[in-house]
Amino acid sequence: MNRGITVKLPTHKVITALETKLAKVEEDYANQEANEAEYDKAYAIWQKELTDFAVDNVKKATNFRTNYREWNSTLNIDYDVIVDAIDLPVCPERKHNTMSHHSYKDIVEDITNALSILRMTDETTVNASTMKQIAKYL
């Protein structure tokens, strides 16, 4: 016989967790431009290092390919350099999540609505299945 598990959470704990998550979302969104600018700067430095690496190793190159485009006077040169990945400069990774404005507004609205309802209730516990919509934010 299959029985579902009923989980009841203290209302104050759910409110505290949602308030914490709301503050984190707002902070992340506010710092998003600065974090992205920092990442772009690190990425530009990595591109320069990678270009320097390719130029320094051009004598080891194989499989040269060229393509001249007359319409914009551009010479494109491709070549392969066989190296171990450990020799390459390390590409920076994003240490933050980016979020569009409409996603931010939706998340804030969901959390704020849930907080408003929870603050109005007289119940000391909240059934977890009732909070399914906001559980993804906890």
Protein backbone atom coordinates (compact mmCIF):
# COMPACT_ATOMS: atom_id res chain seq x y z
CA MET A 1 0.00 0.00 0.00
CA ASN A 2 1.45 3.36 -1.04
CA ARG A 3 0.95 6.25 1.30
CA GLY A 4 2.08 9.78 0.68
CA ILE A 5 4.25 11.45 3.24
CA THR A 6 2.75 14.49 4.89
CA VAL A 7 5.28 17.11 5.90
CA LYS A 8 4.38 20.09 8.02
CA LEU A 9 6.83 22.94 8.39
CA PRO A 10 6.77 25.65 11.06
CA THR A 11 5.41 28.83 9.47
CA HIS A 12 8.09 31.04 10.99
CA LYS A 13 10.86 28.88 9.48
CA VAL A 14 9.28 29.09 6.03
CA ILE A 15 8.92 32.88 6.37
CA THR A 16 12.55 33.24 7.48
CA ALA A 17 13.78 31.06 4.62
CA LEU A 18 11.76 33.03 2.07
CA GLU A 19 12.95 36.38 3.45
CA THR A 20 16.55 35.16 3.22
CA LYS A 21 16.04 33.96 -0.34
CA LEU A 22 14.35 37.23 -1.33
CA ALA A 23 17.27 39.23 0.06
CA LYS A 24 19.74 36.99 -1.82
CA VAL A 25 17.83 37.33 -5.12
CA GLU A 26 17.67 41.11 -4.76
CA GLU A 27 21.38 41.31 -3.89
CA ASP A 28 22.38 39.07 -6.81
CA TYR A 29 20.28 41.10 -9.23
CA ALA A 30 21.67 44.40 -7.92
CA ASN A 31 25.26 43.13 -8.29
CA GLN A 32 24.65 41.45 -11.63
CA GLU A 33 26.09 44.27 -13.77
CA ALA A 34 29.24 44.57 -11.66
CA ASN A 35 29.74 40.79 -11.65
CA GLU A 36 29.22 40.61 -15.41
CA ALA A 37 31.66 43.49 -15.98
CA GLU A 38 34.25 41.70 -13.84
CA TYR A 39 33.71 38.49 -15.82
CA ASP A 40 33.95 40.35 -19.17
CA LYS A 41 37.23 41.91 -18.05
CA ALA A 42 38.65 38.50 -17.05
CA TYR A 43 37.40 37.02 -20.34
CA ALA A 44 39.12 39.77 -22.36
CA ILE A 45 42.38 39.10 -20.50
CA TRP A 46 42.01 35.37 -21.25
CA GLN A 47 41.42 36.10 -24.96
CA LYS A 48 44.62 38.19 -25.02
CA GLU A 49 46.56 35.39 -23.29
CA LEU A 50 45.16 32.84 -25.74
CA THR A 51 46.07 35.04 -28.72
CA ASP A 52 49.59 35.49 -27.36
CA PHE A 53 49.84 31.73 -26.89
CA ALA A 54 48.73 31.10 -30.49
CA VAL A 55 51.17 33.65 -31.90
CA ASP A 56 54.05 32.30 -29.81
CA ASN A 57 53.36 28.79 -31.09
CA VAL A 58 52.73 29.62 -34.76
CA LYS A 59 55.97 27.86 -35.74
CA LYS A 60 54.47 24.59 -34.45
CA ALA A 61 51.34 25.12 -36.53
CA THR A 62 49.95 22.61 -38.98
CA ASN A 63 47.04 22.60 -41.41
CA PHE A 64 47.20 26.27 -42.48
CA ARG A 65 44.05 27.61 -44.10
CA THR A 66 43.63 31.07 -45.56
CA ASN A 67 40.70 32.95 -46.90
CA TYR A 68 40.82 36.43 -48.39
CA ARG A 69 37.60 38.39 -48.61
CA GLU A 70 37.90 41.10 -51.24
CA TRP A 71 34.63 42.81 -50.37
CA ASN A 72 36.02 43.93 -46.98
CA SER A 73 39.75 43.37 -47.57
CA THR A 74 40.05 40.80 -44.79
CA LEU A 75 42.55 37.98 -44.66
CA ASN A 76 41.48 35.12 -42.42
CA ILE A 77 44.21 32.67 -41.37
CA ASP A 78 43.38 29.47 -39.51
CA TYR A 79 45.84 26.90 -38.29
CA ASP A 80 46.07 24.06 -35.79
CA VAL A 81 48.54 23.83 -32.93
CA ILE A 82 48.73 20.47 -31.21
CA VAL A 83 49.15 21.05 -27.47
CA ASP A 84 48.01 19.60 -24.19
CA ALA A 85 45.09 21.36 -22.53
CA ILE A 86 47.27 21.96 -19.50
CA ASP A 87 49.46 24.29 -21.59
CA LEU A 88 46.56 26.58 -22.48
CA PRO A 89 45.54 29.62 -20.44
CA VAL A 90 42.62 28.84 -18.13
CA CYS A 91 39.31 30.24 -19.31
CA PRO A 92 37.47 32.19 -16.58
CA GLU A 93 34.17 30.81 -15.35
CA ARG A 94 31.10 32.76 -14.33
CA LYS A 95 30.74 32.61 -10.57
CA HIS A 96 27.30 34.18 -10.73
CA ASN A 97 23.97 33.54 -12.38
CA THR A 98 22.52 36.09 -14.71
CA MET A 99 18.82 36.75 -14.67
CA SER A 100 16.64 38.74 -17.02
CA HIS A 101 14.53 41.57 -15.64
CA HIS A 102 11.25 39.74 -16.20
CA SER A 103 12.55 36.61 -14.44
CA TYR A 104 13.67 38.74 -11.52
CA LYS A 105 10.25 40.41 -11.32
CA ASP A 106 8.46 37.02 -11.45
CA ILE A 107 10.60 35.53 -8.69
CA VAL A 108 10.26 38.57 -6.44
CA GLU A 109 6.51 38.66 -7.00
CA ASP A 110 6.12 34.95 -6.19
CA ILE A 111 8.16 35.21 -3.01
CA THR A 112 6.50 38.46 -1.91
CA ASN A 113 3.01 37.02 -2.46
CA ALA A 114 3.90 33.89 -0.51
CA LEU A 115 5.31 35.98 2.34
CA SER A 116 2.17 38.12 2.46
CA ILE A 117 -0.04 35.05 2.73
CA LEU A 118 2.15 33.37 5.33
CA ARG A 119 2.26 36.50 7.50
CA MET A 120 -1.57 36.66 7.51
CA THR A 121 -2.13 33.06 8.55
CA ASP A 122 -2.89 31.97 12.10
CA GLU A 123 -1.60 28.47 11.42
CA THR A 124 1.61 27.48 13.21
CA THR A 125 2.57 24.97 10.53
CA VAL A 126 2.37 24.92 6.77
CA ASN A 127 1.72 21.78 4.77
CA ALA A 128 4.64 21.37 2.36
CA SER A 129 2.34 20.41 -0.52
CA THR A 130 0.50 23.72 -0.08
CA MET A 131 3.78 25.56 -0.61
CA LYS A 132 4.73 23.62 -3.75
CA GLN A 133 4.84 26.80 -5.85
CA ILE A 134 7.42 28.50 -3.64
CA ALA A 135 9.39 25.41 -2.67
CA LYS A 136 11.61 25.91 -5.72
CA TYR A 137 12.95 29.11 -4.12
CA LEU A 138 13.90 27.51 -0.80
